[in-house]
Amino acid sequence: MPFRSSPGPAVPAGEHCRARDIFLDFYDPEGEKYGLPTYPFHMAPKGYATRRQLRARNLCPGGKPIRAQIVWKHKGIGKDGRGSTTRRVAYLYAVAEAKPKRMPTPAQREVIGKALAARRTCPSCGIEQEYYIPRSRGECNRCAEPELYADPAGNNRAEGGWGGEPDDSDWDPELLAADAGTAFAELEAS
């Protein structure tokens, strides 16, 4: 017995769907109402997958058309800034028609690595950063705002910035061990 969106005799599967907030008016396996076979959330038949699910299996649609869709209601903030309910759609492709995803060759990977390294290299200082250089600034954060990386005490540690290594004079293992023992004793006492 097919699902119906209009009131009718209670169908056990329909009651189960209503309890899970699955809207049966999105159940259209023939595609008469929506133009494509349409299923509610969590009710798509086996053999179909979204692009993301195909990518997880190292597959791609391979130019094949969309075979079905999943439609669900989503509650969130609308364009007017107020709460609203919108419809969301996920397109499904046939897994049997999917093709293996193209993988880059080692030479292509090398070229991509060089291009990404160029995006991390500051044109002003020539240092490769751990992040991509913002296009809005055109240089790394240290070159764009050197006053943020200057040492206020004047110890000329601006080259290391906030992430600079401490001097050997700051490192005293006996003092650190004594501080740790005192802190642990205070913690046990309380």
N, C-alpha and C. Protein backbone atom coordinates (compact mmCIF):
# COMPACT_ATOMS: atom_id res chain seq x y z
N MET A 1 0.85 -1.19 0.00
CA MET A 1 0.00 0.00 0.00
C MET A 1 0.88 1.24 0.00
N PRO A 2 0.73 2.12 -0.99
CA PRO A 2 1.58 3.31 -1.05
C PRO A 2 1.23 4.31 0.04
N PHE A 3 2.21 5.11 0.42
CA PHE A 3 1.97 6.16 1.40
C PHE A 3 1.12 7.26 0.79
N ARG A 4 0.32 7.89 1.59
CA ARG A 4 -0.51 8.99 1.13
C ARG A 4 -0.29 10.20 2.02
N SER A 5 -0.30 11.36 1.41
CA SER A 5 -0.15 12.57 2.20
C SER A 5 -1.50 13.04 2.73
N SER A 6 -2.59 12.57 2.11
CA SER A 6 -3.92 12.95 2.58
C SER A 6 -4.35 12.00 3.68
N PRO A 7 -5.24 12.46 4.57
CA PRO A 7 -5.68 11.59 5.65
C PRO A 7 -6.37 10.34 5.11
N GLY A 8 -6.08 9.25 5.71
CA GLY A 8 -6.66 7.98 5.30
C GLY A 8 -6.47 6.98 6.42
N PRO A 9 -6.61 5.72 6.11
CA PRO A 9 -6.40 4.72 7.16
C PRO A 9 -4.95 4.75 7.64
N ALA A 10 -4.75 4.57 8.93
CA ALA A 10 -3.41 4.62 9.51
C ALA A 10 -2.59 3.45 9.01
N VAL A 11 -1.42 3.75 8.51
CA VAL A 11 -0.50 2.74 8.03
C VAL A 11 0.59 2.61 9.09
N PRO A 12 0.95 1.39 9.52
CA PRO A 12 1.96 1.25 10.57
C PRO A 12 3.27 1.95 10.22
N ALA A 13 3.73 1.83 8.98
CA ALA A 13 4.97 2.51 8.60
C ALA A 13 4.78 4.02 8.65
N GLY A 14 3.60 4.49 8.30
CA GLY A 14 3.32 5.92 8.35
C GLY A 14 3.35 6.46 9.77
N GLU A 15 2.83 5.70 10.71
CA GLU A 15 2.87 6.12 12.12
C GLU A 15 4.32 6.18 12.61
N HIS A 16 5.11 5.21 12.19
CA HIS A 16 6.52 5.19 12.57
C HIS A 16 7.23 6.43 12.01
N CYS A 17 6.91 6.81 10.78
CA CYS A 17 7.53 7.98 10.16
C CYS A 17 7.11 9.25 10.86
N ARG A 18 5.84 9.36 11.20
CA ARG A 18 5.35 10.56 11.87
C ARG A 18 6.03 10.72 13.23
N ALA A 19 6.29 9.62 13.90
CA ALA A 19 6.95 9.68 15.21
C ALA A 19 8.39 10.18 15.06
N ARG A 20 9.03 9.94 13.91
CA ARG A 20 10.41 10.37 13.68
C ARG A 20 10.48 11.68 12.90
N ASP A 21 9.37 12.40 12.74
CA ASP A 21 9.29 13.66 12.00
C ASP A 21 9.68 13.49 10.53
N ILE A 22 9.34 12.36 9.93
CA ILE A 22 9.54 12.14 8.51
C ILE A 22 8.23 12.47 7.83
N PHE A 23 8.27 13.36 6.85
CA PHE A 23 7.06 13.84 6.21
C PHE A 23 6.73 12.96 5.01
N LEU A 24 5.59 12.30 5.07
CA LEU A 24 5.21 11.38 4.02
C LEU A 24 4.77 12.09 2.75
N ASP A 25 4.52 13.39 2.81
CA ASP A 25 4.16 14.09 1.58
C ASP A 25 5.37 14.21 0.66
N PHE A 26 6.57 13.86 1.12
CA PHE A 26 7.75 13.82 0.28
C PHE A 26 7.98 12.44 -0.31
N TYR A 27 7.10 11.50 -0.05
CA TYR A 27 7.24 10.15 -0.58
C TYR A 27 6.56 10.09 -1.94
N ASP A 28 7.35 10.09 -2.99
CA ASP A 28 6.85 10.05 -4.37
C ASP A 28 7.81 9.20 -5.20
N PRO A 29 7.78 7.86 -5.06
CA PRO A 29 8.76 7.03 -5.76
C PRO A 29 8.59 7.02 -7.27
N GLU A 30 7.41 7.38 -7.77
CA GLU A 30 7.20 7.40 -9.22
C GLU A 30 7.62 8.74 -9.83
N GLY A 31 7.77 9.77 -9.04
CA GLY A 31 8.16 11.07 -9.54
C GLY A 31 7.02 11.85 -10.17
N GLU A 32 5.78 11.53 -9.83
CA GLU A 32 4.62 12.21 -10.41
C GLU A 32 4.47 13.63 -9.88
N LYS A 33 4.74 13.83 -8.60
CA LYS A 33 4.52 15.13 -7.96
C LYS A 33 5.72 16.06 -8.13
N TYR A 34 6.93 15.55 -7.98
CA TYR A 34 8.13 16.38 -7.97
C TYR A 34 8.99 16.25 -9.23
N GLY A 35 8.63 15.39 -10.16
CA GLY A 35 9.38 15.23 -11.39
C GLY A 35 10.50 14.21 -11.31
N LEU A 36 11.01 13.94 -10.14
CA LEU A 36 12.02 12.92 -9.89
C LEU A 36 11.50 12.00 -8.81
N PRO A 37 11.92 10.74 -8.78
CA PRO A 37 11.56 9.93 -7.62
C PRO A 37 12.04 10.61 -6.35
N THR A 38 11.12 10.84 -5.42
CA THR A 38 11.41 11.62 -4.22
C THR A 38 11.11 10.79 -2.99
N TYR A 39 12.00 10.90 -2.01
CA TYR A 39 11.86 10.14 -0.77
C TYR A 39 12.07 11.05 0.41
N PRO A 40 11.42 10.73 1.54
CA PRO A 40 11.69 11.49 2.76
C PRO A 40 13.08 11.14 3.31
N PHE A 41 13.51 11.91 4.25
CA PHE A 41 14.80 11.71 4.91
C PHE A 41 14.84 10.32 5.52
N HIS A 42 15.93 9.59 5.36
CA HIS A 42 16.16 8.23 5.88
C HIS A 42 15.31 7.17 5.20
N MET A 43 14.69 7.47 4.07
CA MET A 43 13.85 6.45 3.43
C MET A 43 14.27 6.18 1.98
N ALA A 44 15.43 6.59 1.58
CA ALA A 44 15.89 6.33 0.21
C ALA A 44 16.20 4.84 0.06
N PRO A 45 15.88 4.27 -1.09
CA PRO A 45 16.17 2.85 -1.30
C PRO A 45 17.66 2.61 -1.47
N LYS A 46 18.06 1.36 -1.32
CA LYS A 46 19.47 1.01 -1.49
C LYS A 46 19.84 1.14 -2.96
N GLY A 47 21.10 1.39 -3.22
CA GLY A 47 21.57 1.54 -4.58
C GLY A 47 21.71 2.98 -5.01
N TYR A 48 21.33 3.92 -4.16
CA TYR A 48 21.48 5.34 -4.44
C TYR A 48 22.42 5.95 -3.41
N ALA A 49 23.13 7.00 -3.83
CA ALA A 49 24.04 7.69 -2.92
C ALA A 49 24.17 9.14 -3.35
N THR A 50 24.47 10.00 -2.39
CA THR A 50 24.73 11.41 -2.69
C THR A 50 26.16 11.56 -3.21
N ARG A 51 26.50 12.74 -3.71
CA ARG A 51 27.87 12.98 -4.19
C ARG A 51 28.89 12.74 -3.07
N ARG A 52 28.56 13.21 -1.88
CA ARG A 52 29.49 13.04 -0.76
C ARG A 52 29.68 11.57 -0.41
N GLN A 53 28.60 10.79 -0.46
CA GLN A 53 28.72 9.36 -0.18
C GLN A 53 29.51 8.66 -1.26
N LEU A 54 29.33 9.08 -2.52
CA LEU A 54 30.12 8.51 -3.60
C LEU A 54 31.60 8.85 -3.42
N ARG A 55 31.89 10.10 -3.05
CA ARG A 55 33.27 10.53 -2.85
C ARG A 55 33.94 9.73 -1.74
N ALA A 56 33.18 9.37 -0.70
CA ALA A 56 33.75 8.57 0.39
C ALA A 56 34.14 7.18 -0.09
N ARG A 57 33.51 6.70 -1.16
CA ARG A 57 33.84 5.40 -1.74
C ARG A 57 34.81 5.53 -2.92
N ASN A 58 35.40 6.70 -3.11
CA ASN A 58 36.29 7.00 -4.23
C ASN A 58 35.58 6.82 -5.57
N LEU A 59 34.33 7.24 -5.64
CA LEU A 59 33.54 7.21 -6.87
C LEU A 59 33.06 8.61 -7.20
N CYS A 60 32.57 8.79 -8.43
CA CYS A 60 31.96 10.05 -8.85
C CYS A 60 30.78 9.72 -9.76
N PRO A 61 29.83 10.63 -9.95
CA PRO A 61 28.68 10.33 -10.81
C PRO A 61 29.07 10.02 -12.24
N GLY A 62 30.18 10.51 -12.72
CA GLY A 62 30.64 10.19 -14.06
C GLY A 62 29.78 10.75 -15.16
N GLY A 63 29.16 11.90 -14.93
CA GLY A 63 28.33 12.52 -15.96
C GLY A 63 26.93 11.95 -16.07
N LYS A 64 26.61 11.01 -15.24
CA LYS A 64 25.27 10.41 -15.27
C LYS A 64 24.27 11.35 -14.59
N PRO A 65 23.01 11.32 -15.01
CA PRO A 65 22.02 12.25 -14.44
C PRO A 65 21.60 11.86 -13.02
N ILE A 66 20.93 12.80 -12.38
CA ILE A 66 20.37 12.57 -11.05
C ILE A 66 19.25 11.56 -11.20
N ARG A 67 19.23 10.54 -10.34
CA ARG A 67 18.22 9.50 -10.45
C ARG A 67 17.07 9.68 -9.46
N ALA A 68 17.32 10.31 -8.33
CA ALA A 68 16.27 10.51 -7.32
C ALA A 68 16.70 11.65 -6.41
N GLN A 69 15.83 11.98 -5.46
CA GLN A 69 16.16 13.05 -4.52
C GLN A 69 15.54 12.75 -3.16
N ILE A 70 16.16 13.32 -2.14
CA ILE A 70 15.63 13.26 -0.78
C ILE A 70 15.21 14.68 -0.44
N VAL A 71 14.01 14.86 0.09
CA VAL A 71 13.52 16.17 0.48
C VAL A 71 13.14 16.11 1.95
N TRP A 72 13.51 17.13 2.70
CA TRP A 72 13.14 17.22 4.10
C TRP A 72 12.95 18.67 4.49
N LYS A 73 12.25 18.86 5.59
CA LYS A 73 12.04 20.21 6.11
C LYS A 73 13.13 20.54 7.11
N HIS A 74 13.60 21.78 7.03
CA HIS A 74 14.67 22.24 7.91
C HIS A 74 14.21 23.50 8.63
N LYS A 75 14.29 23.46 9.94
CA LYS A 75 13.92 24.64 10.72
C LYS A 75 15.17 25.44 10.99
N GLY A 76 15.11 26.73 10.71
CA GLY A 76 16.28 27.58 10.92
C GLY A 76 15.91 29.03 10.74
N ILE A 77 16.91 29.86 10.58
CA ILE A 77 16.72 31.29 10.40
C ILE A 77 16.56 31.57 8.91
N GLY A 78 15.49 32.25 8.56
CA GLY A 78 15.23 32.59 7.17
C GLY A 78 15.99 33.83 6.73
N LYS A 79 15.77 34.25 5.49
CA LYS A 79 16.45 35.42 4.96
C LYS A 79 16.03 36.69 5.69
N ASP A 80 14.84 36.69 6.25
CA ASP A 80 14.36 37.88 6.96
C ASP A 80 14.86 37.93 8.41
N GLY A 81 15.64 36.92 8.84
CA GLY A 81 16.18 36.92 10.19
C GLY A 81 15.28 36.28 11.22
N ARG A 82 14.10 35.86 10.79
CA ARG A 82 13.18 35.20 11.73
C ARG A 82 13.22 33.70 11.49
N GLY A 83 12.71 32.97 12.46
CA GLY A 83 12.64 31.52 12.33
C GLY A 83 11.71 31.12 11.21
N SER A 84 12.12 30.14 10.44
CA SER A 84 11.28 29.68 9.35
C SER A 84 11.61 28.22 9.07
N THR A 85 10.77 27.60 8.28
CA THR A 85 10.99 26.23 7.86
C THR A 85 11.18 26.22 6.36
N THR A 86 12.29 25.67 5.92
CA THR A 86 12.57 25.59 4.51
C THR A 86 12.71 24.14 4.10
N ARG A 87 12.65 23.90 2.81
CA ARG A 87 12.86 22.55 2.29
C ARG A 87 14.30 22.41 1.84
N ARG A 88 14.88 21.29 2.19
CA ARG A 88 16.23 20.97 1.75
C ARG A 88 16.16 19.78 0.81
N VAL A 89 17.09 19.72 -0.12
CA VAL A 89 17.10 18.65 -1.12
C VAL A 89 18.50 18.06 -1.20
N ALA A 90 18.58 16.75 -1.29
CA ALA A 90 19.84 16.05 -1.56
C ALA A 90 19.59 15.18 -2.77
N TYR A 91 20.42 15.35 -3.80
CA TYR A 91 20.25 14.59 -5.03
C TYR A 91 20.96 13.25 -4.92
N LEU A 92 20.35 12.23 -5.48
CA LEU A 92 20.88 10.87 -5.40
C LEU A 92 21.29 10.38 -6.78
N TYR A 93 22.39 9.66 -6.82
CA TYR A 93 22.91 9.06 -8.05
C TYR A 93 22.94 7.55 -7.87
N ALA A 94 22.82 6.83 -8.98
CA ALA A 94 22.87 5.37 -8.92
C ALA A 94 24.31 4.93 -8.69
N VAL A 95 24.52 4.11 -7.67
CA VAL A 95 25.87 3.63 -7.34
C VAL A 95 26.37 2.72 -8.45
N ALA A 96 25.49 1.96 -9.08
CA ALA A 96 25.90 1.04 -10.15
C ALA A 96 26.44 1.79 -11.36
N GLU A 97 25.99 3.01 -11.60
CA GLU A 97 26.45 3.81 -12.74
C GLU A 97 27.67 4.66 -12.43
N ALA A 98 28.07 4.73 -11.16
CA ALA A 98 29.18 5.59 -10.76
C ALA A 98 30.50 5.07 -11.31
N LYS A 99 31.42 5.99 -11.55
CA LYS A 99 32.74 5.65 -12.08
C LYS A 99 33.79 5.96 -11.02
N PRO A 100 34.96 5.34 -11.12
CA PRO A 100 36.04 5.65 -10.17
C PRO A 100 36.46 7.11 -10.27
N LYS A 101 36.76 7.68 -9.13
CA LYS A 101 37.19 9.08 -9.07
C LYS A 101 38.59 9.19 -9.68
N ARG A 102 38.81 10.26 -10.44
CA ARG A 102 40.14 10.46 -11.02
C ARG A 102 41.11 10.86 -9.92
N MET A 103 42.28 10.24 -9.94
CA MET A 103 43.30 10.54 -8.94
C MET A 103 44.46 11.27 -9.63
N PRO A 104 45.04 12.27 -8.95
CA PRO A 104 46.16 13.00 -9.58
C PRO A 104 47.41 12.12 -9.66
N THR A 105 48.19 12.37 -10.69
CA THR A 105 49.46 11.66 -10.85
C THR A 105 50.48 12.25 -9.88
N PRO A 106 51.58 11.55 -9.65
CA PRO A 106 52.61 12.12 -8.76
C PRO A 106 53.12 13.48 -9.23
N ALA A 107 53.23 13.68 -10.55
CA ALA A 107 53.69 14.97 -11.06
C ALA A 107 52.66 16.06 -10.75
N GLN A 108 51.37 15.75 -10.89
CA GLN A 108 50.33 16.72 -10.56
C GLN A 108 50.35 17.05 -9.08
N ARG A 109 50.56 16.04 -8.23
CA ARG A 109 50.63 16.28 -6.79
C ARG A 109 51.80 17.21 -6.45
N GLU A 110 52.91 17.02 -7.13
CA GLU A 110 54.09 17.87 -6.88
C GLU A 110 53.78 19.32 -7.27
N VAL A 111 53.13 19.51 -8.40
CA VAL A 111 52.80 20.86 -8.85
C VAL A 111 51.81 21.51 -7.88
N ILE A 112 50.83 20.75 -7.41
CA ILE A 112 49.86 21.28 -6.45
C ILE A 112 50.56 21.66 -5.16
N GLY A 113 51.50 20.82 -4.69
CA GLY A 113 52.26 21.14 -3.48
C GLY A 113 53.05 22.42 -3.61
N LYS A 114 53.66 22.64 -4.78
CA LYS A 114 54.42 23.87 -5.01
C LYS A 114 53.49 25.08 -5.04
N ALA A 115 52.32 24.92 -5.65
CA ALA A 115 51.38 26.04 -5.71
C ALA A 115 50.87 26.41 -4.32
N LEU A 116 50.61 25.42 -3.49
CA LEU A 116 50.14 25.70 -2.12
C LEU A 116 51.25 26.31 -1.28
N ALA A 117 52.49 25.87 -1.50
CA ALA A 117 53.62 26.48 -0.78
C ALA A 117 53.78 27.94 -1.19
N ALA A 118 53.54 28.25 -2.46
CA ALA A 118 53.63 29.65 -2.91
C ALA A 118 52.55 30.50 -2.26
N ARG A 119 51.39 29.91 -2.00
CA ARG A 119 50.33 30.67 -1.32
C ARG A 119 50.66 30.94 0.14
N ARG A 120 51.56 30.12 0.73
CA ARG A 120 51.94 30.30 2.13
C ARG A 120 53.19 31.16 2.29
N THR A 121 53.87 31.48 1.20
CA THR A 121 55.12 32.24 1.27
C THR A 121 54.83 33.74 1.15
N CYS A 122 55.35 34.50 2.12
CA CYS A 122 55.14 35.95 2.13
C CYS A 122 56.05 36.60 1.10
N PRO A 123 55.50 37.46 0.23
CA PRO A 123 56.35 38.12 -0.76
C PRO A 123 57.27 39.18 -0.14
N SER A 124 56.95 39.71 1.04
CA SER A 124 57.77 40.75 1.66
C SER A 124 59.00 40.17 2.34
N CYS A 125 58.81 39.14 3.18
CA CYS A 125 59.94 38.59 3.93
C CYS A 125 60.45 37.28 3.36
N GLY A 126 59.66 36.61 2.50
CA GLY A 126 60.09 35.36 1.87
C GLY A 126 60.00 34.15 2.77
N ILE A 127 59.36 34.26 3.93
CA ILE A 127 59.25 33.14 4.86
C ILE A 127 57.95 32.40 4.58
N GLU A 128 58.05 31.06 4.53
CA GLU A 128 56.84 30.24 4.34
C GLU A 128 56.13 30.11 5.69
N GLN A 129 54.88 30.53 5.74
CA GLN A 129 54.10 30.51 6.97
C GLN A 129 53.32 29.21 7.08
N GLU A 130 52.69 28.98 8.23
CA GLU A 130 51.88 27.79 8.45
C GLU A 130 50.46 27.98 7.92
N TYR A 131 50.14 29.17 7.46
CA TYR A 131 48.80 29.50 6.99
C TYR A 131 48.92 30.14 5.61
N TYR A 132 47.81 30.20 4.89
CA TYR A 132 47.82 30.86 3.59
C TYR A 132 47.83 32.38 3.79
N ILE A 133 48.63 33.08 3.02
CA ILE A 133 48.75 34.53 3.11
C ILE A 133 47.41 35.13 2.68
N PRO A 134 46.78 35.96 3.51
CA PRO A 134 45.50 36.57 3.12
C PRO A 134 45.67 37.45 1.89
N ARG A 135 44.80 37.27 0.92
CA ARG A 135 44.89 38.08 -0.30
C ARG A 135 44.54 39.53 -0.02
N SER A 136 43.75 39.77 1.01
CA SER A 136 43.38 41.15 1.33
C SER A 136 44.59 41.96 1.81
N ARG A 137 45.55 41.30 2.44
CA ARG A 137 46.74 42.00 2.94
C ARG A 137 47.90 41.90 1.95
N GLY A 138 48.06 40.75 1.35
CA GLY A 138 49.15 40.55 0.41
C GLY A 138 50.47 40.21 1.06
N GLU A 139 50.50 40.09 2.38
CA GLU A 139 51.71 39.71 3.10
C GLU A 139 51.32 39.02 4.40
N CYS A 140 52.31 38.42 5.05
CA CYS A 140 52.02 37.67 6.29
C CYS A 140 51.62 38.63 7.41
N ASN A 141 51.08 38.08 8.47
CA ASN A 141 50.62 38.90 9.59
C ASN A 141 51.76 39.68 10.22
N ARG A 142 52.95 39.07 10.30
CA ARG A 142 54.10 39.71 10.93
C ARG A 142 54.53 40.94 10.12
N CYS A 143 54.49 40.85 8.79
CA CYS A 143 54.88 42.00 7.95
C CYS A 143 53.78 43.04 7.89
N ALA A 144 52.52 42.61 7.93
CA ALA A 144 51.41 43.54 7.84
C ALA A 144 51.24 44.37 9.11
N GLU A 145 51.47 43.76 10.27
CA GLU A 145 51.31 44.47 11.55
C GLU A 145 52.49 44.15 12.46
N PRO A 146 53.65 44.71 12.20
CA PRO A 146 54.84 44.39 13.01
C PRO A 146 54.72 44.86 14.46
N GLU A 147 53.88 45.86 14.71
CA GLU A 147 53.74 46.35 16.09
C GLU A 147 53.12 45.31 17.01
N LEU A 148 52.36 44.39 16.47
CA LEU A 148 51.78 43.33 17.30
C LEU A 148 52.81 42.30 17.72
N TYR A 149 53.88 42.18 16.96
CA TYR A 149 54.90 41.17 17.24
C TYR A 149 56.13 41.75 17.92
N ALA A 150 56.14 43.04 18.18
CA ALA A 150 57.28 43.67 18.87
C ALA A 150 57.22 43.33 20.35
N ASP A 151 58.38 43.13 20.96
CA ASP A 151 58.46 42.81 22.38
C ASP A 151 58.35 44.11 23.18
N PRO A 152 57.35 44.27 24.05
CA PRO A 152 57.20 45.52 24.80
C PRO A 152 58.34 45.78 25.77
N ALA A 153 59.05 44.74 26.21
CA ALA A 153 60.16 44.93 27.14
C ALA A 153 61.42 45.38 26.42
N GLY A 154 61.42 45.31 25.09
CA GLY A 154 62.58 45.76 24.32
C GLY A 154 63.71 44.75 24.30
N ASN A 155 63.44 43.48 24.50
CA ASN A 155 64.48 42.45 24.52
C ASN A 155 64.87 41.99 23.13
N ASN A 156 64.35 42.65 22.10
CA ASN A 156 64.65 42.35 20.70
C ASN A 156 64.32 40.89 20.36
N ARG A 157 63.20 40.42 20.88
CA ARG A 157 62.74 39.06 20.54
C ARG A 157 61.63 39.13 19.51
N ALA A 158 61.55 40.24 18.78
CA ALA A 158 60.48 40.43 17.80
C ALA A 158 60.59 39.43 16.66
N GLU A 159 61.82 38.92 16.39
CA GLU A 159 61.96 37.96 15.30
C GLU A 159 61.19 36.69 15.59
N GLY A 160 61.15 36.28 16.85
CA GLY A 160 60.43 35.07 17.20
C GLY A 160 58.95 35.31 17.41
N GLY A 161 58.56 36.56 17.64
CA GLY A 161 57.15 36.88 17.86
C GLY A 161 56.63 36.18 19.10
N TRP A 162 55.36 35.97 19.12
CA TRP A 162 54.76 35.31 20.27
C TRP A 162 55.11 33.84 20.30
N GLY A 163 55.40 33.29 19.14
CA GLY A 163 55.72 31.87 19.08
C GLY A 163 57.21 31.63 19.17
N GLY A 164 58.01 32.63 19.54
CA GLY A 164 59.46 32.49 19.61
C GLY A 164 59.88 31.57 20.74
N GLU A 165 61.08 31.03 20.61
CA GLU A 165 61.60 30.14 21.63
C GLU A 165 62.11 30.96 22.83
N PRO A 166 61.91 30.48 24.06
CA PRO A 166 62.42 31.21 25.21
C PRO A 166 63.95 31.10 25.29
N ASP A 167 64.56 32.10 25.91
CA ASP A 167 66.01 32.06 26.12
C ASP A 167 66.34 30.98 27.13
N ASP A 168 67.62 30.55 27.14
CA ASP A 168 68.05 29.56 28.13
C ASP A 168 68.00 30.13 29.54
N SER A 169 68.06 31.47 29.64
CA SER A 169 68.03 32.09 30.96
C SER A 169 66.64 31.95 31.60
N ASP A 170 65.60 31.77 30.78
CA ASP A 170 64.25 31.60 31.31
C ASP A 170 64.02 30.17 31.82
N TRP A 171 64.91 29.25 31.51
CA TRP A 171 64.68 27.84 31.78
C TRP A 171 65.52 27.40 32.96
N ASP A 172 64.85 27.08 34.06
CA ASP A 172 65.55 26.59 35.25
C ASP A 172 64.79 25.36 35.73
N PRO A 173 65.28 24.16 35.45
CA PRO A 173 64.53 22.95 35.80
C PRO A 173 64.29 22.80 37.30
N GLU A 174 65.23 23.21 38.13
CA GLU A 174 65.05 23.07 39.57
C GLU A 174 63.92 23.97 40.06
N LEU A 175 63.88 25.20 39.53
CA LEU A 175 62.84 26.14 39.92
C LEU A 175 61.47 25.63 39.46
N LEU A 176 61.40 25.11 38.24
CA LEU A 176 60.13 24.58 37.74
C LEU A 176 59.66 23.39 38.55
N ALA A 177 60.58 22.50 38.94
CA ALA A 177 60.21 21.33 39.75
C ALA A 177 59.72 21.77 41.13
N ALA A 178 60.37 22.78 41.70
CA ALA A 178 59.94 23.28 43.01
C ALA A 178 58.56 23.90 42.91
N ASP A 179 58.31 24.68 41.84
CA ASP A 179 56.99 25.29 41.65
C ASP A 179 55.92 24.22 41.46
N ALA A 180 56.24 23.17 40.72
CA ALA A 180 55.27 22.10 40.47
C ALA A 180 54.97 21.35 41.77
N GLY A 181 56.00 21.09 42.58
CA GLY A 181 55.79 20.39 43.84
C GLY A 181 54.95 21.22 44.80
N THR A 182 55.19 22.53 44.85
CA THR A 182 54.41 23.42 45.71
C THR A 182 52.96 23.46 45.26
N ALA A 183 52.74 23.57 43.95
CA ALA A 183 51.38 23.62 43.45
C ALA A 183 50.65 22.31 43.74
N PHE A 184 51.33 21.18 43.60
CA PHE A 184 50.70 19.89 43.86
C PHE A 184 50.36 19.75 45.33
N ALA A 185 51.25 20.22 46.22
CA ALA A 185 51.02 20.13 47.66
C ALA A 185 49.82 21.02 48.05
N GLU A 186 49.73 22.20 47.45
CA GLU A 186 48.59 23.09 47.73
C GLU A 186 47.28 22.48 47.24
N LEU A 187 47.34 21.78 46.12
CA LEU A 187 46.15 21.15 45.57
C LEU A 187 45.67 20.02 46.48
N GLU A 188 46.59 19.22 47.01
CA GLU A 188 46.22 18.12 47.90
C GLU A 188 45.68 18.65 49.23
N ALA A 189 46.21 19.79 49.69
CA ALA A 189 45.79 20.34 50.96
C ALA A 189 44.37 20.88 50.91
N SER A 190 43.94 21.31 49.74
CA SER A 190 42.59 21.91 49.66
C SER A 190 41.52 20.92 49.41
